[in-house]
Amino acid sequence: MRRLKLAIKEWNEKTGGNEDKKIELIERKISELNGISSHRNLNGKEMEEIDRLNMELWDVIRFCELVWRKKSGMISLKEGDSNSAFFHKEVKFRAKKKMVHGLRFGFYWCKEPKLLKKKVFEYFSNYFSFPFRKWEVNMDLNFKRLSEDEASRLGLPFTMEEIKDVVWSCGESKAPRPDGFNMCFFKKCWQIVREDLFNMMMVSLDSVSLKKV
C-alpha cells in the first residue's frame, strides 16, 4: 500500500496534479506583466497574455477548490472536525476568486493595472471632494409593518415542517462550516437526523443560543 501511495503521488505530479505550483507560476507571470504596465502601456499581445493568465488562474483555483471540497469529507471522517488545512485553503481560494481584473467606467472597460489604479483614484477623489452641502432629510418613511397576528406568531415554537422547508431550500453543497456536513447529507439522512435537529431548534428557541447536539 505504501508503494502504491508513492506511485500514485508521483503519477499525480507528472500529470499536472501539483496545482499550488501552477498557481504560483501563473501569479508570478501576472505580477511581471503588472510590473511592466507600471512603466509603460501594455501592447495588444501582452494584454491578451494577461487575460489568458487570469482565465487560467481562475480555472486552476476552481479546480483546487473542488478537489479540497472532496478531500475535506474524507479528512473529516478520518480526523474529526479540526480540519484547519481545508479551512485555510478555502479562505485562500475565495480571496483569489475575488480579485478585480477590470472595471467598467461609463462605456469603457479598463483592465490595464496602471490605468485602472488611476481611474479608481480619480473616481474616489471626486466622490469624496464634494463641497459641504446641507442634505434634506425626510423622516416621513412608510415602512412595512407586521400585523398584530403576524407579530404574535413570531414567538411560536418551530414546527418540523418549517425546519424541513429550510433544509430543503438550501443548496446541497452548503454546510454550516467549511468541514461540516453539507445539506445533501441532511436531506439523504432526514429520517435519522430530523429529531435531533428539531430538539436542537427547540433548545435554541428557549435558551437563545445554538448548541451542538
Protein backbone atom coordinates (compact mmCIF):
# COMPACT_ATOMS: atom_id res chain seq x y z
CA MET A 1 0.00 0.00 0.00
CA ARG A 2 2.86 2.38 0.80
CA ARG A 3 4.47 1.75 -2.61
CA LEU A 4 1.10 2.21 -4.31
CA LYS A 5 0.62 5.52 -2.49
CA LEU A 6 4.07 6.76 -3.61
CA ALA A 7 3.40 5.64 -7.20
CA ILE A 8 0.04 7.47 -7.28
CA LYS A 9 1.67 10.60 -5.84
CA GLU A 10 4.41 10.51 -8.49
CA TRP A 11 1.83 9.96 -11.25
CA ASN A 12 -0.27 12.83 -9.94
CA GLU A 13 2.68 15.24 -10.06
CA LYS A 14 3.65 14.16 -13.58
CA THR A 15 0.12 14.54 -14.94
CA GLY A 16 -0.33 18.06 -13.59
CA GLY A 17 -1.56 17.39 -10.07
CA ASN A 18 0.66 19.98 -8.37
CA GLU A 19 -1.82 22.84 -8.57
CA ASP A 20 -0.14 25.04 -5.93
CA LYS A 21 2.97 25.36 -8.12
CA LYS A 22 0.76 26.15 -11.11
CA ILE A 23 -0.95 28.95 -9.20
CA GLU A 24 2.40 30.32 -8.02
CA LEU A 25 3.82 30.28 -11.58
CA ILE A 26 0.74 31.98 -13.09
CA GLU A 27 0.69 34.65 -10.37
CA ARG A 28 4.40 35.34 -10.95
CA LYS A 29 3.77 35.88 -14.68
CA ILE A 30 0.82 38.18 -13.94
CA SER A 31 2.94 40.12 -11.46
CA GLU A 32 5.69 40.55 -14.08
CA LEU A 33 3.21 41.96 -16.60
CA ASN A 34 1.74 44.26 -13.94
CA GLY A 35 5.27 45.49 -13.21
CA ILE A 36 5.81 46.24 -16.90
CA SER A 37 2.50 48.12 -17.06
CA SER A 38 3.64 50.45 -14.28
CA HIS A 39 6.41 51.75 -16.58
CA ARG A 40 4.68 51.65 -19.96
CA ASN A 41 1.39 50.72 -21.59
CA LEU A 42 1.00 47.04 -22.43
CA ASN A 43 0.75 46.17 -26.13
CA GLY A 44 -2.01 44.06 -27.63
CA LYS A 45 -0.13 40.77 -27.30
CA GLU A 46 0.69 41.44 -23.65
CA MET A 47 -2.93 42.37 -22.90
CA GLU A 48 -4.08 39.08 -24.46
CA GLU A 49 -1.49 37.23 -22.40
CA ILE A 50 -2.65 38.77 -19.10
CA ASP A 51 -6.29 37.91 -19.99
CA ARG A 52 -5.29 34.33 -20.75
CA LEU A 53 -3.34 34.05 -17.49
CA ASN A 54 -6.25 35.41 -15.45
CA MET A 55 -8.63 32.89 -17.04
CA GLU A 56 -6.14 30.07 -16.45
CA LEU A 57 -5.69 31.16 -12.83
CA TRP A 58 -9.46 31.11 -12.32
CA ASP A 59 -9.72 27.59 -13.77
CA VAL A 60 -6.91 26.22 -11.58
CA ILE A 61 -8.31 27.85 -8.41
CA ARG A 62 -11.78 26.50 -9.17
CA PHE A 63 -10.36 23.01 -9.73
CA CYS A 64 -8.39 23.16 -6.46
CA GLU A 65 -11.48 24.28 -4.57
CA LEU A 66 -13.45 21.28 -5.89
CA VAL A 67 -10.62 18.89 -5.01
CA TRP A 68 -10.29 20.26 -1.47
CA ARG A 69 -14.04 20.12 -1.01
CA LYS A 70 -13.93 16.39 -1.81
CA LYS A 71 -10.87 15.84 0.37
CA SER A 72 -12.45 17.67 3.30
CA GLY A 73 -15.10 14.99 3.67
CA MET A 74 -12.52 12.20 3.83
CA ILE A 75 -10.28 14.12 6.23
CA SER A 76 -13.25 14.97 8.46
CA LEU A 77 -14.23 11.30 8.71
CA LYS A 78 -10.64 10.31 9.45
CA GLU A 79 -9.50 13.11 11.78
CA GLY A 80 -12.69 14.71 13.03
CA ASP A 81 -13.86 18.32 12.64
CA SER A 82 -10.49 20.04 13.25
CA ASN A 83 -9.64 20.28 9.56
CA SER A 84 -7.67 23.52 9.60
CA ALA A 85 -5.80 22.78 6.36
CA PHE A 86 -9.00 22.74 4.35
CA PHE A 87 -10.27 25.88 6.07
CA HIS A 88 -7.14 27.86 5.16
CA LYS A 89 -7.17 26.54 1.59
CA GLU A 90 -10.83 27.52 1.23
CA VAL A 91 -10.15 31.05 2.51
CA LYS A 92 -7.16 31.41 0.19
CA PHE A 93 -9.11 30.28 -2.89
CA ARG A 94 -12.06 32.53 -2.09
CA ALA A 95 -9.73 35.52 -1.74
CA LYS A 96 -8.16 34.76 -5.12
CA LYS A 97 -11.58 34.45 -6.78
CA LYS A 98 -12.48 37.94 -5.58
CA MET A 99 -9.53 39.55 -7.39
CA VAL A 100 -10.56 42.50 -9.55
CA HIS A 101 -9.27 42.06 -13.11
CA GLY A 102 -11.03 45.06 -14.61
CA LEU A 103 -13.71 47.73 -14.11
CA ARG A 104 -16.16 49.50 -16.37
CA PHE A 105 -16.09 53.32 -16.40
CA GLY A 106 -19.04 54.52 -18.43
CA PHE A 107 -18.82 52.66 -21.75
CA TYR A 108 -15.11 51.94 -21.37
CA TRP A 109 -13.80 48.66 -19.93
CA CYS A 110 -10.50 49.21 -18.16
CA LYS A 111 -8.22 46.30 -17.24
CA GLU A 112 -4.68 47.66 -17.57
CA PRO A 113 -3.33 47.84 -13.97
CA LYS A 114 -1.65 51.26 -14.27
CA LEU A 115 -4.68 52.92 -15.85
CA LEU A 116 -7.03 51.03 -13.52
CA LYS A 117 -5.29 52.43 -10.43
CA LYS A 118 -5.50 55.94 -11.89
CA LYS A 119 -9.22 55.62 -12.71
CA VAL A 120 -10.07 54.27 -9.26
CA PHE A 121 -8.09 57.05 -7.58
CA GLU A 122 -9.83 59.72 -9.70
CA TYR A 123 -13.26 58.22 -9.01
CA PHE A 124 -12.91 58.20 -5.23
CA SER A 125 -11.11 61.57 -5.21
CA ASN A 126 -14.12 63.13 -6.94
CA TYR A 127 -16.56 61.18 -4.80
CA PHE A 128 -15.15 62.45 -1.50
CA SER A 129 -14.36 66.00 -2.64
CA PHE A 130 -17.91 67.40 -2.90
CA PRO A 131 -18.29 70.83 -1.23
CA PHE A 132 -20.20 70.90 2.01
CA ARG A 133 -23.92 70.91 1.46
CA LYS A 134 -26.94 70.58 3.69
CA TRP A 135 -28.82 67.45 2.79
CA GLU A 136 -32.58 67.40 3.20
CA VAL A 137 -33.75 64.54 5.39
CA ASN A 138 -37.29 63.28 5.01
CA MET A 139 -38.14 61.12 8.02
CA ASP A 140 -41.73 60.51 6.95
CA LEU A 141 -40.95 56.96 5.86
CA ASN A 142 -43.65 54.45 5.16
CA PHE A 143 -42.04 51.24 6.42
CA LYS A 144 -43.87 47.95 6.01
CA ARG A 145 -45.13 46.70 9.34
CA LEU A 146 -46.26 43.36 10.65
CA SER A 147 -49.87 42.96 11.60
CA GLU A 148 -50.72 42.04 15.20
CA ASP A 149 -51.42 38.47 14.12
CA GLU A 150 -48.06 38.18 12.29
CA ALA A 151 -46.19 39.68 15.25
CA SER A 152 -47.83 37.28 17.70
CA ARG A 153 -46.70 34.28 15.59
CA LEU A 154 -43.04 35.27 15.77
CA GLY A 155 -42.64 33.73 19.22
CA LEU A 156 -44.35 30.44 18.38
CA PRO A 157 -42.24 27.23 18.51
CA PHE A 158 -40.83 25.85 15.25
CA THR A 159 -42.63 23.02 13.54
CA MET A 160 -40.95 20.03 11.92
CA GLU A 161 -42.36 21.08 8.55
CA GLU A 162 -40.83 24.57 8.85
CA ILE A 163 -37.40 23.13 9.67
CA LYS A 164 -37.63 20.70 6.75
CA ASP A 165 -38.59 23.53 4.36
CA VAL A 166 -35.49 25.49 5.43
CA VAL A 167 -33.19 22.48 4.94
CA TRP A 168 -34.68 21.71 1.51
CA SER A 169 -34.34 25.35 0.42
CA CYS A 170 -30.54 25.22 0.92
CA GLY A 171 -28.12 24.17 -1.82
CA GLU A 172 -26.85 20.62 -1.37
CA SER A 173 -23.18 21.71 -1.26
CA LYS A 174 -23.80 24.25 1.54
CA ALA A 175 -22.52 23.40 5.02
CA PRO A 176 -22.65 25.13 8.45
CA ARG A 177 -18.84 25.37 8.44
CA PRO A 178 -16.04 24.55 5.94
CA ASP A 179 -15.54 20.99 7.26
CA GLY A 180 -19.11 20.29 8.41
CA PHE A 181 -21.81 18.05 6.95
CA ASN A 182 -23.42 19.58 3.88
CA MET A 183 -27.14 19.89 3.21
CA CYS A 184 -27.04 16.85 0.92
CA PHE A 185 -26.24 14.73 3.99
CA PHE A 186 -29.16 16.16 5.97
CA LYS A 187 -31.56 15.58 3.07
CA LYS A 188 -30.40 12.00 2.45
CA CYS A 189 -30.45 11.14 6.17
CA TRP A 190 -33.50 13.22 7.08
CA GLN A 191 -35.41 10.36 8.74
CA ILE A 192 -32.39 9.72 11.00
CA VAL A 193 -31.40 13.29 11.94
CA ARG A 194 -34.79 15.05 11.92
CA GLU A 195 -35.48 14.53 15.64
CA ASP A 196 -32.00 15.76 16.63
CA LEU A 197 -32.43 18.87 14.50
CA PHE A 198 -35.87 19.51 15.91
CA ASN A 199 -34.64 19.18 19.51
CA MET A 200 -31.68 21.45 18.79
CA MET A 201 -34.01 24.13 17.42
CA MET A 202 -36.31 23.86 20.42
CA VAL A 203 -33.33 24.30 22.79
CA SER A 204 -32.07 27.29 20.82
CA LEU A 205 -35.54 28.89 20.89
CA ASP A 206 -35.69 28.61 24.70
CA SER A 207 -32.07 29.50 25.52
CA VAL A 208 -31.38 31.96 22.63
CA SER A 209 -28.16 30.03 21.88
CA LEU A 210 -27.45 27.41 19.26
CA LYS A 211 -25.62 24.45 20.80
CA LYS A 212 -24.11 21.34 19.25
CA VAL A 213 -26.12 18.13 19.62
